[in-house]
Amino acid sequence: IRLLDSVQSVGRYAFDSTAWYKEQPEGLLTVGRVVYGVKGNIADIVIPDGMICIADYAFSGSDISSVVIPDGMYYIGNFAFADTNKLTYISVPESIISIGTKALGYAGNALKTDFKVYCYDNSVAYMWATNNSIATESIDDCKHSFGDWIINVDPDCVTGGSKMHRCIKCNFVENESVDAKGHSWSGWVTISELSCTTDGVKRRTCTVCGLTDDDIQLTN
């Protein structure tokens, strides 16, 4: 399935009966630059850069508990996050220019009492939330509230990695390096006994990466 970059909306169930949909693995579903929905019981959603639209009903009734909407997104469709009972907050970037009917903070026809929209003052999201009597919190001068650290690059025995955590209010990302783990050595194993004519060799092996380290006792 291919969509023009100019497509701003995709209707409910538009591709659910297609071969494309059936072939998709569990996770976030995108078509062109449109976020179509989610497949499977996925809790945390990070929408990639370059998307411009969240389709109608995209996450409606899903089990998501957090979502990251990147700056550069323009449209949030009708009922896009309706009936997402585990989602208690959402951060909406300033780039959003349109939010559909009951897109955020609704369970059926009723507002969720524990839902909050983090947004910029006087933004479209702020005005939409205010008009719908949904609580807001300004992120113009955000005092960051970071989520858990997530490993970006796993460290190994000799090479460090990296980790990141994201502010749940404004989506600011902070990165840190992670130290290398160091080798996890086995006990020494005798490879050859020291004798008058033969060097003695003992060897240990890293149980993680398989590197070997020899201790050689030279003959006199």
C-alpha atoms as a PDB file:
ATOM      1  CA  ILE A   1       0.000   0.000   0.000  1.00  0.00           C
ATOM      2  CA  ARG A   2       1.327   3.416  -0.955  1.00  0.00           C
ATOM      3  CA  LEU A   3      -0.048   6.791   0.062  1.00  0.00           C
ATOM      4  CA  LEU A   4       0.876  10.231  -1.205  1.00  0.00           C
ATOM      5  CA  ASP A   5       2.820  12.345   1.262  1.00  0.00           C
ATOM      6  CA  SER A   6      -0.004  14.868   1.096  1.00  0.00           C
ATOM      7  CA  VAL A   7      -2.580  12.457   2.605  1.00  0.00           C
ATOM      8  CA  GLN A   8      -3.858  14.008   5.844  1.00  0.00           C
ATOM      9  CA  SER A   9      -6.417  11.472   7.032  1.00  0.00           C
ATOM     10  CA  VAL A  10      -7.152   7.757   6.847  1.00  0.00           C
ATOM     11  CA  GLY A  11     -10.526   6.394   7.910  1.00  0.00           C
ATOM     12  CA  ARG A  12     -11.339   3.681  10.412  1.00  0.00           C
ATOM     13  CA  TYR A  13     -10.631   0.092   9.307  1.00  0.00           C
ATOM     14  CA  ALA A  14      -9.428   1.370   5.917  1.00  0.00           C
ATOM     15  CA  PHE A  15      -6.814  -1.380   5.519  1.00  0.00           C
ATOM     16  CA  ASP A  16      -7.849  -3.966   8.146  1.00  0.00           C
ATOM     17  CA  SER A  17      -9.085  -6.533   5.626  1.00  0.00           C
ATOM     18  CA  THR A  18      -6.133  -6.220   3.275  1.00  0.00           C
ATOM     19  CA  ALA A  19      -3.288  -8.652   2.702  1.00  0.00           C
ATOM     20  CA  TRP A  20      -0.937  -5.856   3.782  1.00  0.00           C
ATOM     21  CA  TYR A  21      -2.504  -5.712   7.238  1.00  0.00           C
ATOM     22  CA  LYS A  22      -2.446  -9.463   7.734  1.00  0.00           C
ATOM     23  CA  GLU A  23       1.251  -9.600   6.844  1.00  0.00           C
ATOM     24  CA  GLN A  24       2.298  -6.913   9.335  1.00  0.00           C
ATOM     25  CA  PRO A  25       4.129  -8.019  12.496  1.00  0.00           C
ATOM     26  CA  GLU A  26       3.008  -6.841  15.914  1.00  0.00           C
ATOM     27  CA  GLY A  27       3.862  -3.240  16.684  1.00  0.00           C
ATOM     28  CA  LEU A  28       3.224   0.212  15.279  1.00  0.00           C
ATOM     29  CA  LEU A  29       1.623   0.263  11.826  1.00  0.00           C
ATOM     30  CA  THR A  30       2.413   3.075   9.400  1.00  0.00           C
ATOM     31  CA  VAL A  31       1.395   3.666   5.802  1.00  0.00           C
ATOM     32  CA  GLY A  32       3.325   6.345   3.984  1.00  0.00           C
ATOM     33  CA  ARG A  33       3.525   9.187   6.477  1.00  0.00           C
ATOM     34  CA  VAL A  34       0.360   8.151   8.310  1.00  0.00           C
ATOM     35  CA  VAL A  35       0.278   6.281  11.625  1.00  0.00           C
ATOM     36  CA  TYR A  36      -2.444   3.725  10.958  1.00  0.00           C
ATOM     37  CA  GLY A  37      -2.597   1.937  14.300  1.00  0.00           C
ATOM     38  CA  VAL A  38      -1.040  -0.710  16.473  1.00  0.00           C
ATOM     39  CA  LYS A  39      -1.141  -4.475  16.188  1.00  0.00           C
ATOM     40  CA  GLY A  40      -0.854  -6.642  19.274  1.00  0.00           C
ATOM     41  CA  ASN A  41      -0.709  -5.778  22.961  1.00  0.00           C
ATOM     42  CA  ILE A  42       1.956  -3.079  22.826  1.00  0.00           C
ATOM     43  CA  ALA A  43       2.365  -0.796  25.860  1.00  0.00           C
ATOM     44  CA  ASP A  44       4.863   1.860  24.788  1.00  0.00           C
ATOM     45  CA  ILE A  45       4.664   3.590  21.411  1.00  0.00           C
ATOM     46  CA  VAL A  46       7.328   5.836  19.900  1.00  0.00           C
ATOM     47  CA  ILE A  47       6.129   7.333  16.631  1.00  0.00           C
ATOM     48  CA  PRO A  48       9.091   7.801  14.270  1.00  0.00           C
ATOM     49  CA  ASP A  49      10.099  11.157  12.843  1.00  0.00           C
ATOM     50  CA  GLY A  50       8.602  11.977   9.463  1.00  0.00           C
ATOM     51  CA  MET A  51       5.020  10.969  10.258  1.00  0.00           C
ATOM     52  CA  ILE A  52       2.467  13.760   9.751  1.00  0.00           C
ATOM     53  CA  CYS A  53      -0.875  12.192  10.654  1.00  0.00           C
ATOM     54  CA  ILE A  54      -2.392   9.811  13.194  1.00  0.00           C
ATOM     55  CA  ALA A  55      -5.364   8.088  11.563  1.00  0.00           C
ATOM     56  CA  ASP A  56      -8.909   8.031  12.911  1.00  0.00           C
ATOM     57  CA  TYR A  57      -9.255   5.413  15.685  1.00  0.00           C
ATOM     58  CA  ALA A  58      -5.557   4.553  15.302  1.00  0.00           C
ATOM     59  CA  PHE A  59      -5.064   3.525  18.942  1.00  0.00           C
ATOM     60  CA  SER A  60      -8.694   3.353  20.035  1.00  0.00           C
ATOM     61  CA  GLY A  61      -9.281   0.548  22.532  1.00  0.00           C
ATOM     62  CA  SER A  62      -5.617  -0.470  22.601  1.00  0.00           C
ATOM     63  CA  ASP A  63      -3.472  -1.309  25.636  1.00  0.00           C
ATOM     64  CA  ILE A  64      -0.925   1.474  25.142  1.00  0.00           C
ATOM     65  CA  SER A  65       0.209   3.238  28.311  1.00  0.00           C
ATOM     66  CA  SER A  66       2.611   5.764  26.792  1.00  0.00           C
ATOM     67  CA  VAL A  67       3.108   7.379  23.395  1.00  0.00           C
ATOM     68  CA  VAL A  68       5.717   9.749  21.996  1.00  0.00           C
ATOM     69  CA  ILE A  69       4.465  12.067  19.245  1.00  0.00           C
ATOM     70  CA  PRO A  70       7.407  13.691  17.443  1.00  0.00           C
ATOM     71  CA  ASP A  71       7.639  17.337  16.530  1.00  0.00           C
ATOM     72  CA  GLY A  72       6.570  17.643  12.891  1.00  0.00           C
ATOM     73  CA  MET A  73       3.305  15.755  13.327  1.00  0.00           C
ATOM     74  CA  TYR A  74       0.354  17.832  12.061  1.00  0.00           C
ATOM     75  CA  TYR A  75      -2.891  15.918  12.505  1.00  0.00           C
ATOM     76  CA  ILE A  76      -4.459  13.707  15.179  1.00  0.00           C
ATOM     77  CA  GLY A  77      -7.540  11.978  13.804  1.00  0.00           C
ATOM     78  CA  ASN A  78     -10.996  11.471  15.266  1.00  0.00           C
ATOM     79  CA  PHE A  79     -11.072   9.135  18.290  1.00  0.00           C
ATOM     80  CA  ALA A  80      -7.360   8.423  17.733  1.00  0.00           C
ATOM     81  CA  PHE A  81      -6.729   7.669  21.424  1.00  0.00           C
ATOM     82  CA  ALA A  82     -10.305   6.994  22.571  1.00  0.00           C
ATOM     83  CA  ASP A  83     -10.831   4.214  25.114  1.00  0.00           C
ATOM     84  CA  THR A  84      -7.122   3.821  25.856  1.00  0.00           C
ATOM     85  CA  ASN A  85      -7.735   3.118  29.528  1.00  0.00           C
ATOM     86  CA  LYS A  86      -4.072   2.723  30.457  1.00  0.00           C
ATOM     87  CA  LEU A  87      -3.045   6.030  28.873  1.00  0.00           C
ATOM     88  CA  THR A  88      -3.246   8.784  31.505  1.00  0.00           C
ATOM     89  CA  TYR A  89      -1.262  11.548  29.810  1.00  0.00           C
ATOM     90  CA  ILE A  90       0.008  12.626  26.421  1.00  0.00           C
ATOM     91  CA  SER A  91       2.508  15.230  25.272  1.00  0.00           C
ATOM     92  CA  VAL A  92       1.429  17.070  22.130  1.00  0.00           C
ATOM     93  CA  PRO A  93       4.035  18.958  20.082  1.00  0.00           C
ATOM     94  CA  GLU A  94       3.536  22.527  18.934  1.00  0.00           C
ATOM     95  CA  SER A  95       3.486  21.397  15.296  1.00  0.00           C
ATOM     96  CA  ILE A  96       0.006  19.874  15.655  1.00  0.00           C
ATOM     97  CA  ILE A  97      -2.534  21.990  13.742  1.00  0.00           C
ATOM     98  CA  SER A  98      -5.644  19.797  13.988  1.00  0.00           C
ATOM     99  CA  ILE A  99      -7.062  17.415  16.600  1.00  0.00           C
ATOM    100  CA  GLY A 100     -10.181  15.414  15.774  1.00  0.00           C
ATOM    101  CA  THR A 101     -13.368  14.692  17.667  1.00  0.00           C
ATOM    102  CA  LYS A 102     -12.827  13.004  21.048  1.00  0.00           C
ATOM    103  CA  ALA A 103      -9.274  12.190  19.991  1.00  0.00           C
ATOM    104  CA  LEU A 104      -7.730  12.514  23.463  1.00  0.00           C
ATOM    105  CA  GLY A 105      -8.905  11.741  26.979  1.00  0.00           C
ATOM    106  CA  TYR A 106     -12.234  10.110  26.244  1.00  0.00           C
ATOM    107  CA  ALA A 107     -13.665   6.773  27.355  1.00  0.00           C
ATOM    108  CA  GLY A 108     -16.780   6.295  25.306  1.00  0.00           C
ATOM    109  CA  ASN A 109     -18.650   9.603  25.490  1.00  0.00           C
ATOM    110  CA  ALA A 110     -17.227  10.516  28.882  1.00  0.00           C
ATOM    111  CA  LEU A 111     -14.022  12.321  29.777  1.00  0.00           C
ATOM    112  CA  LYS A 112     -11.399  10.387  31.736  1.00  0.00           C
ATOM    113  CA  THR A 113     -10.942  12.138  35.064  1.00  0.00           C
ATOM    114  CA  ASP A 114      -7.246  11.252  35.404  1.00  0.00           C
ATOM    115  CA  PHE A 115      -6.108  12.347  31.941  1.00  0.00           C
ATOM    116  CA  LYS A 116      -3.713  15.232  31.283  1.00  0.00           C
ATOM    117  CA  VAL A 117      -2.363  16.893  28.134  1.00  0.00           C
ATOM    118  CA  TYR A 118       1.155  18.316  28.255  1.00  0.00           C
ATOM    119  CA  CYS A 119       1.336  21.100  25.681  1.00  0.00           C
ATOM    120  CA  TYR A 120       2.620  24.572  24.848  1.00  0.00           C
ATOM    121  CA  ASP A 121       0.697  27.648  25.943  1.00  0.00           C
ATOM    122  CA  ASN A 122      -1.834  28.885  23.373  1.00  0.00           C
ATOM    123  CA  SER A 123      -1.090  25.965  21.056  1.00  0.00           C
ATOM    124  CA  VAL A 124      -3.766  24.049  19.157  1.00  0.00           C
ATOM    125  CA  ALA A 125      -3.480  21.251  21.731  1.00  0.00           C
ATOM    126  CA  TYR A 126      -3.951  23.702  24.596  1.00  0.00           C
ATOM    127  CA  MET A 127      -7.041  25.253  23.019  1.00  0.00           C
ATOM    128  CA  TRP A 128      -8.483  21.845  22.103  1.00  0.00           C
ATOM    129  CA  ALA A 129      -7.966  20.451  25.612  1.00  0.00           C
ATOM    130  CA  THR A 130      -9.396  23.579  27.235  1.00  0.00           C
ATOM    131  CA  ASN A 131     -12.478  23.476  25.019  1.00  0.00           C
ATOM    132  CA  ASN A 132     -12.966  19.831  25.975  1.00  0.00           C
ATOM    133  CA  SER A 133     -12.426  20.486  29.726  1.00  0.00           C
ATOM    134  CA  ILE A 134      -9.294  18.335  29.806  1.00  0.00           C
ATOM    135  CA  ALA A 135      -6.504  19.186  32.239  1.00  0.00           C
ATOM    136  CA  THR A 136      -3.343  20.661  30.745  1.00  0.00           C
ATOM    137  CA  GLU A 137       0.156  21.425  31.939  1.00  0.00           C
ATOM    138  CA  SER A 138       2.438  23.871  30.184  1.00  0.00           C
ATOM    139  CA  ILE A 139       5.760  22.676  28.798  1.00  0.00           C
ATOM    140  CA  ASP A 140       7.003  26.102  27.708  1.00  0.00           C
ATOM    141  CA  ASP A 141       9.523  26.078  30.567  1.00  0.00           C
ATOM    142  CA  CYS A 142       9.453  22.387  31.294  1.00  0.00           C
ATOM    143  CA  LYS A 143      10.831  21.070  34.561  1.00  0.00           C
ATOM    144  CA  HIS A 144      11.626  17.688  33.159  1.00  0.00           C
ATOM    145  CA  SER A 145      10.069  14.545  34.566  1.00  0.00           C
ATOM    146  CA  PHE A 146      12.021  11.665  33.095  1.00  0.00           C
ATOM    147  CA  GLY A 147      10.805   8.141  32.554  1.00  0.00           C
ATOM    148  CA  ASP A 148      12.906   5.023  33.037  1.00  0.00           C
ATOM    149  CA  TRP A 149      16.272   4.619  31.358  1.00  0.00           C
ATOM    150  CA  ILE A 150      16.197   2.624  28.123  1.00  0.00           C
ATOM    151  CA  ILE A 151      19.296   0.991  26.680  1.00  0.00           C
ATOM    152  CA  ASN A 152      19.984   2.219  23.138  1.00  0.00           C
ATOM    153  CA  VAL A 153      23.196   0.306  22.557  1.00  0.00           C
ATOM    154  CA  ASP A 154      24.044  -2.691  24.712  1.00  0.00           C
ATOM    155  CA  PRO A 155      27.540  -2.631  26.184  1.00  0.00           C
ATOM    156  CA  ASP A 156      29.677  -5.713  25.789  1.00  0.00           C
ATOM    157  CA  CYS A 157      32.794  -6.902  27.567  1.00  0.00           C
ATOM    158  CA  VAL A 158      35.136  -4.287  26.074  1.00  0.00           C
ATOM    159  CA  THR A 159      32.911  -1.662  24.388  1.00  0.00           C
ATOM    160  CA  GLY A 160      30.600   0.709  26.191  1.00  0.00           C
ATOM    161  CA  GLY A 161      27.003   1.366  25.171  1.00  0.00           C
ATOM    162  CA  SER A 162      24.463   4.118  25.646  1.00  0.00           C
ATOM    163  CA  LYS A 163      21.130   4.716  27.334  1.00  0.00           C
ATOM    164  CA  MET A 164      18.413   7.357  27.141  1.00  0.00           C
ATOM    165  CA  HIS A 165      15.424   8.555  29.064  1.00  0.00           C
ATOM    166  CA  ARG A 166      12.685  10.860  27.900  1.00  0.00           C
ATOM    167  CA  CYS A 167      10.740  13.615  29.636  1.00  0.00           C
ATOM    168  CA  ILE A 168       7.116  12.478  29.789  1.00  0.00           C
ATOM    169  CA  LYS A 169       5.972  16.104  29.492  1.00  0.00           C
ATOM    170  CA  CYS A 170       7.925  17.606  26.600  1.00  0.00           C
ATOM    171  CA  ASN A 171       9.660  14.541  25.073  1.00  0.00           C
ATOM    172  CA  PHE A 172      13.143  15.986  25.680  1.00  0.00           C
ATOM    173  CA  VAL A 173      15.689  13.167  25.453  1.00  0.00           C
ATOM    174  CA  GLU A 174      18.761  12.875  27.653  1.00  0.00           C
ATOM    175  CA  ASN A 175      21.487  10.405  26.697  1.00  0.00           C
ATOM    176  CA  GLU A 176      24.242   8.867  28.798  1.00  0.00           C
ATOM    177  CA  SER A 177      27.046   6.443  28.105  1.00  0.00           C
ATOM    178  CA  VAL A 178      27.130   3.013  29.696  1.00  0.00           C
ATOM    179  CA  ASP A 179      30.434   1.478  30.783  1.00  0.00           C
ATOM    180  CA  ALA A 180      31.693  -1.747  29.257  1.00  0.00           C
ATOM    181  CA  LYS A 181      30.806  -4.756  31.361  1.00  0.00           C
ATOM    182  CA  GLY A 182      34.302  -6.238  31.545  1.00  0.00           C
ATOM    183  CA  HIS A 183      35.069  -9.908  31.087  1.00  0.00           C
ATOM    184  CA  SER A 184      33.515 -12.598  33.228  1.00  0.00           C
ATOM    185  CA  TRP A 185      36.317 -15.113  33.573  1.00  0.00           C
ATOM    186  CA  SER A 186      36.002 -18.816  34.196  1.00  0.00           C
ATOM    187  CA  GLY A 187      38.430 -20.625  36.460  1.00  0.00           C
ATOM    188  CA  TRP A 188      41.913 -21.502  35.219  1.00  0.00           C
ATOM    189  CA  VAL A 189      42.225 -24.729  33.246  1.00  0.00           C
ATOM    190  CA  THR A 190      45.577 -26.447  32.733  1.00  0.00           C
ATOM    191  CA  ILE A 191      46.353 -26.870  29.052  1.00  0.00           C
ATOM    192  CA  SER A 192      49.837 -28.284  29.479  1.00  0.00           C
ATOM    193  CA  GLU A 193      51.897 -29.072  32.543  1.00  0.00           C
ATOM    194  CA  LEU A 194      55.213 -27.339  33.144  1.00  0.00           C
ATOM    195  CA  SER A 195      58.137 -29.689  32.670  1.00  0.00           C
ATOM    196  CA  CYS A 196      61.839 -29.511  32.012  1.00  0.00           C
ATOM    197  CA  THR A 197      61.230 -29.220  28.272  1.00  0.00           C
ATOM    198  CA  THR A 198      57.693 -27.901  27.955  1.00  0.00           C
ATOM    199  CA  ASP A 199      56.152 -24.594  28.977  1.00  0.00           C
ATOM    200  CA  GLY A 200      53.209 -24.799  31.309  1.00  0.00           C
ATOM    201  CA  VAL A 201      49.994 -23.197  30.083  1.00  0.00           C
ATOM    202  CA  LYS A 202      46.864 -22.362  32.038  1.00  0.00           C
ATOM    203  CA  ARG A 203      43.863 -20.827  30.319  1.00  0.00           C
ATOM    204  CA  ARG A 204      40.725 -19.017  31.379  1.00  0.00           C
ATOM    205  CA  THR A 205      37.790 -18.101  29.161  1.00  0.00           C
ATOM    206  CA  CYS A 206      35.291 -15.267  29.273  1.00  0.00           C
ATOM    207  CA  THR A 207      31.899 -16.876  29.765  1.00  0.00           C
ATOM    208  CA  VAL A 208      30.226 -14.041  27.856  1.00  0.00           C
ATOM    209  CA  CYS A 209      32.282 -13.363  24.722  1.00  0.00           C
ATOM    210  CA  GLY A 210      34.543 -16.442  24.589  1.00  0.00           C
ATOM    211  CA  LEU A 211      37.863 -14.560  24.730  1.00  0.00           C
ATOM    212  CA  THR A 212      40.686 -16.678  26.115  1.00  0.00           C
ATOM    213  CA  ASP A 213      43.545 -15.551  28.357  1.00  0.00           C
ATOM    214  CA  ASP A 214      46.625 -17.728  28.787  1.00  0.00           C
ATOM    215  CA  ASP A 215      49.037 -17.785  31.675  1.00  0.00           C
ATOM    216  CA  ILE A 216      52.326 -19.257  30.481  1.00  0.00           C
ATOM    217  CA  GLN A 217      55.017 -20.584  32.788  1.00  0.00           C
ATOM    218  CA  LEU A 218      58.289 -20.796  30.906  1.00  0.00           C
ATOM    219  CA  THR A 219      60.776 -23.565  31.333  1.00  0.00           C
ATOM    220  CA  ASN A 220      64.129 -22.523  32.792  1.00  0.00           C
END
